[in-house]
């Protein structure tokens, strides 16, 4: 059993509407929570669960004392972070000075790997983010690109992806290549609309300050003063990946995202992303961040689905789930 004192002024925000945050602790960690005034008593199945629950409440109480806000998402993030590493200082995590202020307007990291990704992009010219769907790779990359543009660190954003999709033949779709690929770029558009708003995004697209295009359109270009994102990079060939990585000009950053368990290349061709991880490991100025199913921040059922599929594929050695 663990007993701690919480500031009465912070109790309502900390416990949540109708004590929903305390109920979350009970469901997630299996602890029993009793709150009377400023005193909170935690009884859990083990010392670790009590320590995490108490650590979240104590740290978020300090966070509010330092002027930070605590809502439903911050509370759940705090629990996830301490589950990963019980020694993390949550106040420092939420007030992290290394995260650009403009970026904080759009989002806050939801777990340690998201913070690691943000720090890596800030410190390096090129970053590879690899992991399953729902871990926030594309959204984080677009948010950092938008923040860099608003802070005038770059003059334009270039977002692209290869024109390969499972079960689809682009040649049978109507329109030119841009019109054919646009439906597959919806996640990028959605992230931009969410972060910058529809009107601002539309104006920046019209002025070509933001460019969204198939990877094939990158050939022969040198992109200076740009933030460049390659999404769904697991579907690049070696030649395409090399071509993309050599488009960077002066004062530019490149972020490459992909999921090496979802490769859609035909004829069992090896993924350019998988090869890049092997070839470029240890290269100065290039960082690699690996996300796992534990980092999924969508509906909690998504994390369970991803986890179950990963275990099933590992057990059955499903064709296409390896590093083609």
Protein backbone atom coordinates (compact mmCIF):
# COMPACT_ATOMS: atom_id res chain seq x y z
CA UNK A 1 0.00 0.00 0.00
CA UNK A 2 1.20 3.51 -0.85
CA UNK A 3 -0.15 6.79 0.53
CA UNK A 4 0.69 10.24 -0.84
CA UNK A 5 -0.50 13.82 -0.45
CA UNK A 6 -1.76 15.80 -3.45
CA UNK A 7 -2.38 19.55 -3.55
CA UNK A 8 -6.09 20.13 -2.98
CA UNK A 9 -6.02 22.88 -5.59
CA UNK A 10 -4.95 20.35 -8.24
CA UNK A 11 -7.15 17.45 -7.22
CA UNK A 12 -10.06 18.09 -9.58
CA UNK A 13 -7.83 18.42 -12.67
CA UNK A 14 -5.58 15.57 -11.61
CA UNK A 15 -8.36 13.09 -10.86
CA UNK A 16 -10.33 14.02 -13.99
CA UNK A 17 -14.04 14.42 -14.68
CA UNK A 18 -15.89 12.08 -12.33
CA UNK A 19 -12.51 10.64 -11.31
CA UNK A 20 -11.94 9.19 -14.81
CA UNK A 21 -8.16 9.40 -14.41
CA UNK A 22 -8.26 7.40 -11.19
CA UNK A 23 -10.45 4.79 -12.88
CA UNK A 24 -7.89 4.64 -15.70
CA UNK A 25 -5.18 3.84 -13.14
CA UNK A 26 -7.32 1.08 -11.73
CA UNK A 27 -8.05 -0.45 -15.15
CA UNK A 28 -4.55 -0.08 -16.59
CA UNK A 29 -2.41 -0.96 -13.57
CA UNK A 30 -4.80 -3.05 -11.48
CA UNK A 31 -4.47 -0.77 -8.47
CA UNK A 32 -7.21 0.23 -6.08
CA UNK A 33 -7.37 4.02 -5.58
CA UNK A 34 -8.93 5.76 -2.59
CA UNK A 35 -8.93 9.58 -2.51
CA UNK A 36 -10.03 11.58 0.52
CA UNK A 37 -9.31 15.28 0.30
CA UNK A 38 -5.62 15.67 -0.48
CA UNK A 39 -4.71 12.13 0.58
CA UNK A 40 -4.56 9.32 -1.97
CA UNK A 41 -4.07 5.67 -1.04
CA UNK A 42 -2.96 3.15 -3.64
CA UNK A 43 -3.20 -0.61 -3.21
CA UNK A 44 -1.86 -2.64 -6.11
CA UNK A 45 -1.07 -6.18 -7.12
CA UNK A 46 2.65 -5.43 -6.80
CA UNK A 47 5.10 -2.73 -5.76
CA UNK A 48 5.81 -1.70 -9.38
CA UNK A 49 2.15 -0.91 -10.12
CA UNK A 50 1.85 1.16 -6.96
CA UNK A 51 5.08 2.97 -7.78
CA UNK A 52 3.93 3.86 -11.30
CA UNK A 53 0.50 5.05 -10.15
CA UNK A 54 1.99 7.09 -7.32
CA UNK A 55 4.71 8.46 -9.58
CA UNK A 56 2.16 9.70 -12.11
CA UNK A 57 0.03 11.46 -9.49
CA UNK A 58 3.01 13.02 -7.72
CA UNK A 59 4.74 14.16 -10.93
CA UNK A 60 1.62 15.65 -12.52
CA UNK A 61 0.86 17.46 -9.27
CA UNK A 62 4.35 19.04 -9.55
CA UNK A 63 3.74 19.75 -13.23
CA UNK A 64 0.65 21.82 -12.40
CA UNK A 65 2.60 23.61 -9.67
CA UNK A 66 5.08 24.59 -12.40
CA UNK A 67 2.33 26.01 -14.60
CA UNK A 68 1.75 22.95 -16.79
CA UNK A 69 -1.70 21.76 -17.75
CA UNK A 70 -2.97 18.27 -17.10
CA UNK A 71 -5.87 16.77 -19.01
CA UNK A 72 -7.01 13.33 -20.01
CA UNK A 73 -4.28 12.82 -22.63
CA UNK A 74 -1.46 14.12 -20.44
CA UNK A 75 -2.52 11.74 -17.67
CA UNK A 76 -2.57 8.73 -19.98
CA UNK A 77 0.74 9.75 -21.51
CA UNK A 78 2.26 9.95 -18.03
CA UNK A 79 1.16 6.41 -17.26
CA UNK A 80 2.53 5.07 -20.57
CA UNK A 81 5.87 6.81 -20.08
CA UNK A 82 6.40 5.49 -16.55
CA UNK A 83 5.40 2.01 -17.69
CA UNK A 84 8.29 2.22 -20.16
CA UNK A 85 10.75 3.74 -17.69
CA UNK A 86 9.76 4.31 -14.07
CA UNK A 87 12.83 6.53 -13.53
CA UNK A 88 11.76 9.21 -16.04
CA UNK A 89 11.08 12.69 -14.64
CA UNK A 90 7.60 13.40 -16.02
CA UNK A 91 7.83 17.12 -15.29
CA UNK A 92 10.95 17.35 -17.47
CA UNK A 93 9.27 15.13 -20.07
CA UNK A 94 6.28 17.48 -20.46
CA UNK A 95 8.26 20.73 -20.16
CA UNK A 96 11.14 19.48 -22.35
CA UNK A 97 13.05 22.61 -23.44
CA UNK A 98 14.56 20.74 -26.39
CA UNK A 99 11.17 20.64 -28.14
CA UNK A 100 10.65 23.78 -30.27
CA UNK A 101 7.94 26.08 -28.84
CA UNK A 102 6.15 26.24 -32.21
CA UNK A 103 5.92 22.45 -32.28
CA UNK A 104 4.41 22.43 -28.80
CA UNK A 105 1.50 24.42 -30.24
CA UNK A 106 0.62 21.42 -32.40
CA UNK A 107 1.39 18.42 -30.23
CA UNK A 108 3.28 16.89 -27.34
CA UNK A 109 5.09 13.55 -27.43
CA UNK A 110 2.91 10.68 -26.22
CA UNK A 111 5.74 8.30 -25.32
CA UNK A 112 9.52 8.07 -25.03
CA UNK A 113 10.09 7.07 -28.65
CA UNK A 114 8.08 10.03 -29.91
CA UNK A 115 10.26 12.33 -27.82
CA UNK A 116 13.35 10.50 -29.09
CA UNK A 117 12.14 11.08 -32.65
CA UNK A 118 11.56 14.81 -32.07
CA UNK A 119 15.00 15.22 -30.53
CA UNK A 120 16.61 13.24 -33.36
CA UNK A 121 15.02 15.42 -36.05
CA UNK A 122 16.14 18.55 -34.21
CA UNK A 123 19.74 17.32 -33.93
CA UNK A 124 20.25 15.55 -37.29
CA UNK A 125 19.91 16.32 -40.99
CA UNK A 126 18.29 12.99 -41.81
CA UNK A 127 16.16 10.70 -39.65
CA UNK A 128 14.64 7.28 -40.34
CA UNK A 129 11.51 6.42 -38.34
CA UNK A 130 10.51 2.77 -38.57
CA UNK A 131 7.51 1.15 -36.94
CA UNK A 132 3.91 -0.06 -37.25
CA UNK A 133 0.84 1.96 -38.13
CA UNK A 134 -0.56 4.18 -35.41
CA UNK A 135 2.73 5.16 -33.79
CA UNK A 136 2.53 8.73 -35.11
CA UNK A 137 5.51 8.60 -37.47
CA UNK A 138 3.91 10.52 -40.35
CA UNK A 139 1.97 12.92 -38.13
CA UNK A 140 5.06 13.82 -36.09
CA UNK A 141 7.13 14.32 -39.24
CA UNK A 142 4.51 16.63 -40.77
CA UNK A 143 4.14 18.56 -37.50
CA UNK A 144 7.90 19.12 -37.28
CA UNK A 145 8.00 20.17 -40.92
CA UNK A 146 5.17 22.66 -40.35
CA UNK A 147 6.89 24.06 -37.26
CA UNK A 148 10.16 24.47 -39.19
CA UNK A 149 8.30 26.32 -41.95
CA UNK A 150 6.51 28.67 -39.52
CA UNK A 151 9.80 29.34 -37.71
CA UNK A 152 11.39 30.17 -41.10
CA UNK A 153 14.02 27.46 -40.68
CA UNK A 154 13.07 26.24 -44.17
CA UNK A 155 11.34 27.87 -47.12
CA UNK A 156 9.24 24.92 -48.29
CA UNK A 157 7.96 21.48 -47.46
CA UNK A 158 8.21 18.56 -49.87
CA UNK A 159 6.24 15.43 -49.01
CA UNK A 160 6.32 12.35 -51.19
CA UNK A 161 5.74 8.63 -51.26
CA UNK A 162 6.32 5.81 -53.77
CA UNK A 163 3.47 4.93 -56.13
CA UNK A 164 3.13 1.34 -54.96
CA UNK A 165 0.09 0.01 -53.13
CA UNK A 166 -1.03 -3.51 -52.33
CA UNK A 167 -3.59 -4.81 -54.79
CA UNK A 168 -3.76 -1.61 -56.85
CA UNK A 169 -2.55 -0.99 -60.39
CA UNK A 170 -2.11 2.74 -60.89
CA UNK A 171 -2.24 2.34 -64.65
CA UNK A 172 -5.91 1.43 -64.48
CA UNK A 173 -6.84 4.51 -62.45
CA UNK A 174 -8.04 7.67 -64.26
CA UNK A 175 -5.94 10.84 -64.57
CA UNK A 176 -2.25 11.69 -64.69
CA UNK A 177 0.28 10.38 -62.16
CA UNK A 178 -0.44 13.11 -59.61
CA UNK A 179 -4.17 12.45 -59.79
CA UNK A 180 -3.59 8.71 -59.53
CA UNK A 181 -1.36 8.99 -56.46
CA UNK A 182 -3.35 11.69 -54.61
CA UNK A 183 -5.75 9.24 -52.88
CA UNK A 184 -2.73 7.46 -51.39
CA UNK A 185 -1.40 10.76 -50.03
CA UNK A 186 -4.51 11.39 -47.92
CA UNK A 187 -2.72 10.72 -44.59
CA UNK A 188 -0.29 13.53 -45.42
CA UNK A 189 -3.08 15.92 -46.40
CA UNK A 190 -5.06 14.99 -43.27
CA UNK A 191 -2.07 15.72 -41.04
CA UNK A 192 -1.49 19.10 -42.71
CA UNK A 193 -5.16 20.08 -42.42
CA UNK A 194 -5.18 19.06 -38.76
CA UNK A 195 -2.00 20.98 -37.93
CA UNK A 196 -2.19 24.10 -40.12
CA UNK A 197 -5.89 24.23 -40.92
CA UNK A 198 -7.56 23.75 -44.29
CA UNK A 199 -7.35 27.37 -45.51
CA UNK A 200 -3.67 27.90 -44.65
CA UNK A 201 -2.69 24.52 -46.10
CA UNK A 202 -4.61 25.23 -49.32
CA UNK A 203 -2.89 28.61 -49.75
CA UNK A 204 0.56 27.12 -49.14
CA UNK A 205 -0.18 24.35 -51.65
CA UNK A 206 -1.31 26.91 -54.23
CA UNK A 207 1.90 28.89 -53.77
CA UNK A 208 3.90 25.63 -53.95
CA UNK A 209 5.46 26.33 -50.58
CA UNK A 210 4.08 22.90 -49.71
CA UNK A 211 4.52 20.29 -52.42
CA UNK A 212 2.99 16.84 -52.23
CA UNK A 213 4.06 14.55 -55.03
CA UNK A 214 4.94 11.00 -56.07
CA UNK A 215 8.53 9.97 -55.38
CA UNK A 216 9.16 9.74 -59.13
CA UNK A 217 8.88 13.56 -59.32
CA UNK A 218 11.98 13.95 -57.16
CA UNK A 219 14.40 12.65 -59.80
CA UNK A 220 16.95 15.19 -61.01
CA UNK A 221 16.14 17.80 -58.36
CA UNK A 222 18.22 19.42 -55.62
CA UNK A 223 16.11 20.70 -52.73
CA UNK A 224 17.65 23.57 -50.78
CA UNK A 225 16.12 25.16 -47.67
CA UNK A 226 13.52 22.40 -47.57
CA UNK A 227 12.02 19.95 -45.12
CA UNK A 228 11.56 16.74 -47.10
CA UNK A 229 9.45 13.77 -45.98
CA UNK A 230 9.38 10.37 -47.63
CA UNK A 231 6.39 8.40 -46.35
CA UNK A 232 5.76 4.65 -46.82
CA UNK A 233 9.47 4.26 -47.58
CA UNK A 234 9.31 0.48 -47.19
CA UNK A 235 7.91 0.45 -50.75
CA UNK A 236 10.97 2.03 -52.31
CA UNK A 237 13.57 0.11 -54.27
CA UNK A 238 17.28 0.53 -53.58
CA UNK A 239 17.57 2.88 -56.57
CA UNK A 240 14.62 5.01 -55.44
CA UNK A 241 15.93 5.30 -51.88
CA UNK A 242 19.38 6.34 -53.08
CA UNK A 243 17.79 8.85 -55.46
CA UNK A 244 15.70 10.35 -52.66
CA UNK A 245 18.56 10.61 -50.17
CA UNK A 246 20.69 12.45 -52.70
CA UNK A 247 18.03 15.14 -53.33
CA UNK A 248 18.98 17.01 -50.16
CA UNK A 249 20.50 20.42 -50.75
CA UNK A 250 21.90 23.03 -48.39
CA UNK A 251 20.01 23.82 -45.16
CA UNK A 252 17.59 20.94 -45.69
CA UNK A 253 16.27 18.11 -43.53
CA UNK A 254 14.93 14.73 -44.62
CA UNK A 255 12.67 12.41 -42.65
CA UNK A 256 12.01 8.90 -43.92
CA UNK A 257 9.13 6.89 -42.42
CA UNK A 258 8.07 3.34 -43.04
CA UNK A 259 6.91 -0.01 -41.72
CA UNK A 260 9.14 -2.89 -42.81
CA UNK A 261 6.39 -5.40 -41.98
CA UNK A 262 4.13 -3.90 -44.69
CA UNK A 263 6.19 -4.17 -47.88
CA UNK A 264 4.13 -4.13 -51.10
CA UNK A 265 6.91 -4.34 -53.68
CA UNK A 266 6.22 -6.79 -56.53
CA UNK A 267 8.24 -9.90 -57.37
CA UNK A 268 9.67 -10.19 -53.85
CA UNK A 269 12.00 -7.26 -54.45
CA UNK A 270 14.03 -6.20 -51.42
CA UNK A 271 12.94 -2.98 -49.78
CA UNK A 272 15.18 0.05 -50.23
CA UNK A 273 14.33 1.03 -46.66
CA UNK A 274 15.60 -2.26 -45.25
CA UNK A 275 18.83 -1.91 -47.24
CA UNK A 276 19.26 1.72 -46.17
CA UNK A 277 19.11 0.69 -42.52
CA UNK A 278 22.00 -1.70 -43.13
CA UNK A 279 24.06 0.57 -45.40
CA UNK A 280 23.75 3.83 -43.45
CA UNK A 281 24.00 2.61 -39.87
CA UNK A 282 26.61 4.63 -38.01
CA UNK A 283 26.68 7.48 -40.55
CA UNK A 284 27.19 10.86 -38.88
CA UNK A 285 24.20 13.17 -39.30
CA UNK A 286 21.74 10.29 -39.79
CA UNK A 287 19.63 8.96 -36.92
CA UNK A 288 17.35 5.94 -36.64
CA UNK A 289 14.30 5.70 -34.39
CA UNK A 290 12.44 2.40 -34.07
CA UNK A 291 8.82 2.35 -32.88
CA UNK A 292 7.04 -0.79 -31.65
CA UNK A 293 3.45 -1.83 -31.00
CA UNK A 294 3.85 -0.35 -27.50
CA UNK A 295 4.08 3.10 -29.10
CA UNK A 296 0.70 2.89 -30.88
CA UNK A 297 -1.31 5.95 -29.83
CA UNK A 298 -4.56 5.32 -31.66
CA UNK A 299 -7.55 3.56 -30.13
CA UNK A 300 -6.27 1.04 -27.57
CA UNK A 301 -7.71 -1.79 -29.66
CA UNK A 302 -5.30 -0.87 -32.50
CA UNK A 303 -2.33 -1.64 -30.26
CA UNK A 304 -3.81 -5.04 -29.44
CA UNK A 305 -4.48 -5.80 -33.12
CA UNK A 306 -0.93 -4.88 -34.15
CA UNK A 307 0.51 -6.94 -31.30
CA UNK A 308 -1.58 -10.01 -32.15
CA UNK A 309 -0.66 -9.84 -35.86
CA UNK A 310 3.05 -9.46 -35.07
CA UNK A 311 2.95 -12.55 -32.85
CA UNK A 312 0.94 -14.56 -35.39
CA UNK A 313 3.26 -13.60 -38.26
CA UNK A 314 6.34 -14.45 -36.21
CA UNK A 315 4.87 -17.86 -35.32
CA UNK A 316 3.74 -18.68 -38.86
CA UNK A 317 6.56 -16.97 -40.80
CA UNK A 318 4.01 -15.26 -43.05
CA UNK A 319 5.36 -14.52 -46.52
CA UNK A 320 5.91 -10.80 -46.93
CA UNK A 321 6.31 -10.03 -43.23
CA UNK A 322 10.09 -10.20 -43.37
CA UNK A 323 12.76 -7.93 -44.84
CA UNK A 324 12.20 -8.40 -48.52
